[in-house]
C-alpha cells in the first residue's frame, strides 16, 4: 500500500512538473519572457472594449514596439549594477559616489515615466473623439469602484 502511494505521488509530481514546463514554453513562444507581458497590461486594459479599427490597432502596436525598443536601450547597464555592489562591499562607505549613482538612477526613472506618458499621449491621439469619450467614462467608473473599495 505504501509503495503504491509513493508511486502515485511521484507520478503526480512528474506530471505537474511537465505541465509547468509546457506552460512556460508556451509563454516564451508567445513572447512573454521575463514578465515583459505585464509591461503594457494597463494600456491593454485601458483600450479593452474600445472598437478599434485595424489601422488604429496597427498604429498602437507600432507605437508600443517603438517604446519597447527605446526602453531596452535605457536600461541600467551591468557596470552600474556592479558599481552599486562595489559601493556596498567597500570597507568604507563613499556617500558622494552613492549619491551620484542614486541621482543617475533617479533621472533614469524620471525619463522612463516621461516616456510612458509620451506613449499614452501618442496612443490617445490615435483614438477618435468618441473613443476618447468612452475611455473617459471607463476611467470615471474605475475611479468610482476604487473609491467604493477604499470606503468599504
Protein backbone atom coordinates (compact mmCIF):
# COMPACT_ATOMS: atom_id res chain seq x y z
CA UNK A 1 0.00 0.00 0.00
CA UNK A 2 2.80 2.45 0.86
CA UNK A 3 4.65 1.70 -2.37
CA UNK A 4 1.55 2.47 -4.44
CA UNK A 5 1.11 5.80 -2.65
CA UNK A 6 4.74 6.63 -3.32
CA UNK A 7 4.39 5.76 -7.00
CA UNK A 8 1.21 7.84 -7.20
CA UNK A 9 2.90 10.82 -5.52
CA UNK A 10 5.93 10.61 -7.82
CA UNK A 11 3.76 10.36 -10.92
CA UNK A 12 1.70 13.35 -9.76
CA UNK A 13 4.86 15.36 -9.12
CA UNK A 14 6.26 14.44 -12.54
CA UNK A 15 3.01 15.35 -14.29
CA UNK A 16 2.81 18.74 -12.58
CA UNK A 17 6.45 19.49 -13.42
CA UNK A 18 5.96 18.60 -17.07
CA UNK A 19 2.81 20.73 -17.31
CA UNK A 20 4.67 23.68 -15.75
CA UNK A 21 7.43 23.37 -18.32
CA UNK A 22 4.85 23.22 -21.12
CA UNK A 23 3.10 26.37 -19.90
CA UNK A 24 6.42 28.20 -19.55
CA UNK A 25 7.36 27.13 -23.07
CA UNK A 26 4.03 28.44 -24.42
CA UNK A 27 4.56 31.78 -22.71
CA UNK A 28 8.08 32.06 -24.06
CA UNK A 29 6.90 31.19 -27.57
CA UNK A 30 4.25 33.90 -27.27
CA UNK A 31 6.91 36.46 -26.33
CA UNK A 32 6.11 36.58 -22.60
CA UNK A 33 9.69 36.43 -21.36
CA UNK A 34 10.81 37.86 -18.02
CA UNK A 35 7.43 39.31 -17.11
CA UNK A 36 7.54 41.58 -20.10
CA UNK A 37 3.95 40.66 -20.94
CA UNK A 38 2.91 42.78 -17.97
CA UNK A 39 4.72 45.87 -19.20
CA UNK A 40 1.82 47.17 -21.26
CA UNK A 41 -1.02 45.44 -19.39
CA UNK A 42 -2.50 48.74 -18.14
CA UNK A 43 -2.53 50.05 -21.71
CA UNK A 44 -4.27 46.91 -22.95
CA UNK A 45 -6.86 47.13 -20.17
CA UNK A 46 -7.36 50.79 -20.95
CA UNK A 47 -8.07 50.04 -24.63
CA UNK A 48 -10.16 46.92 -24.00
CA UNK A 49 -13.75 47.40 -25.03
CA UNK A 50 -12.99 50.21 -27.46
CA UNK A 51 -13.89 49.32 -31.02
CA UNK A 52 -10.52 49.97 -32.63
CA UNK A 53 -10.07 49.79 -36.37
CA UNK A 54 -7.35 47.64 -37.87
CA UNK A 55 -5.43 50.79 -38.74
CA UNK A 56 -5.63 52.02 -35.14
CA UNK A 57 -4.52 48.65 -33.80
CA UNK A 58 -1.52 48.68 -36.13
CA UNK A 59 -0.57 52.26 -35.20
CA UNK A 60 -0.80 51.46 -31.49
CA UNK A 61 1.20 48.27 -31.98
CA UNK A 62 3.94 50.25 -33.75
CA UNK A 63 3.98 52.89 -31.01
CA UNK A 64 4.31 50.23 -28.33
CA UNK A 65 7.08 48.41 -30.22
CA UNK A 66 8.97 51.67 -30.67
CA UNK A 67 8.55 52.45 -26.97
CA UNK A 68 9.74 48.97 -26.01
CA UNK A 69 12.86 49.24 -28.15
CA UNK A 70 13.67 52.69 -26.75
CA UNK A 71 13.25 51.41 -23.19
CA UNK A 72 15.55 48.48 -23.90
CA UNK A 73 18.40 50.89 -24.58
CA UNK A 74 17.60 52.91 -21.45
CA UNK A 75 18.07 50.00 -19.03
CA UNK A 76 20.84 50.30 -16.47
CA UNK A 77 23.92 48.54 -17.69
CA UNK A 78 25.95 45.91 -15.91
CA UNK A 79 28.59 48.47 -15.00
CA UNK A 80 26.06 50.48 -12.95
CA UNK A 81 24.87 47.40 -11.10
CA UNK A 82 28.48 46.44 -10.42
CA UNK A 83 29.15 49.97 -9.13
CA UNK A 84 26.29 49.54 -6.67
CA UNK A 85 27.63 46.18 -5.48
CA UNK A 86 31.14 47.63 -5.16
CA UNK A 87 29.85 50.54 -3.06
CA UNK A 88 28.04 48.16 -0.74
CA UNK A 89 31.01 45.79 -0.42
CA UNK A 90 33.61 48.52 0.21
CA UNK A 91 35.29 48.82 3.61
CA UNK A 92 34.18 52.44 3.91
CA UNK A 93 31.00 53.97 2.55
CA UNK A 94 31.54 56.58 -0.18
CA UNK A 95 28.47 58.76 0.23
CA UNK A 96 29.36 61.04 -2.67
CA UNK A 97 29.67 58.16 -5.13
CA UNK A 98 26.47 56.60 -3.79
CA UNK A 99 24.62 59.91 -4.11
CA UNK A 100 25.80 60.34 -7.71
CA UNK A 101 24.75 56.80 -8.60
CA UNK A 102 21.33 57.26 -6.97
CA UNK A 103 20.80 60.60 -8.69
CA UNK A 104 21.62 58.97 -12.02
CA UNK A 105 19.13 56.16 -11.29
CA UNK A 106 16.51 58.70 -10.25
CA UNK A 107 16.98 60.62 -13.50
CA UNK A 108 16.61 57.37 -15.44
CA UNK A 109 13.35 56.67 -13.57
CA UNK A 110 12.04 60.13 -14.44
CA UNK A 111 12.95 59.59 -18.09
CA UNK A 112 11.19 56.23 -18.06
CA UNK A 113 7.99 57.72 -16.61
CA UNK A 114 8.19 60.59 -19.10
CA UNK A 115 8.49 58.12 -21.99
CA UNK A 116 5.46 56.20 -20.65
CA UNK A 117 3.41 59.40 -20.50
CA UNK A 118 4.50 60.28 -24.03
CA UNK A 119 3.40 56.82 -25.21
CA UNK A 120 0.00 57.21 -23.56
CA UNK A 121 -0.43 60.61 -25.20
CA UNK A 122 0.52 59.22 -28.61
CA UNK A 123 -1.95 56.34 -28.20
CA UNK A 124 -4.72 58.75 -27.20
CA UNK A 125 -4.03 60.79 -30.34
CA UNK A 126 -4.76 57.68 -32.43
CA UNK A 127 -8.26 57.38 -30.92
CA UNK A 128 -11.34 59.14 -32.24
CA UNK A 129 -13.25 61.68 -30.11
CA UNK A 130 -15.92 59.05 -29.42
CA UNK A 131 -13.32 56.50 -28.30
CA UNK A 132 -11.71 59.09 -26.02
CA UNK A 133 -15.13 59.78 -24.50
CA UNK A 134 -15.65 56.05 -23.91
CA UNK A 135 -12.23 55.89 -22.30
CA UNK A 136 -13.04 58.81 -20.01
CA UNK A 137 -16.27 57.07 -18.96
CA UNK A 138 -14.31 53.89 -18.20
CA UNK A 139 -11.84 55.90 -16.11
CA UNK A 140 -14.67 57.51 -14.15
CA UNK A 141 -16.23 54.09 -13.48
CA UNK A 142 -12.86 52.76 -12.37
CA UNK A 143 -12.38 55.75 -10.05
CA UNK A 144 -15.84 55.17 -8.54
CA UNK A 145 -15.07 51.47 -7.93
CA UNK A 146 -11.72 52.40 -6.41
CA UNK A 147 -13.43 54.92 -4.14
CA UNK A 148 -16.04 52.35 -3.08
CA UNK A 149 -13.34 49.81 -2.24
CA UNK A 150 -11.42 52.31 -0.13
CA UNK A 151 -14.60 53.30 1.74
CA UNK A 152 -15.59 49.71 2.45
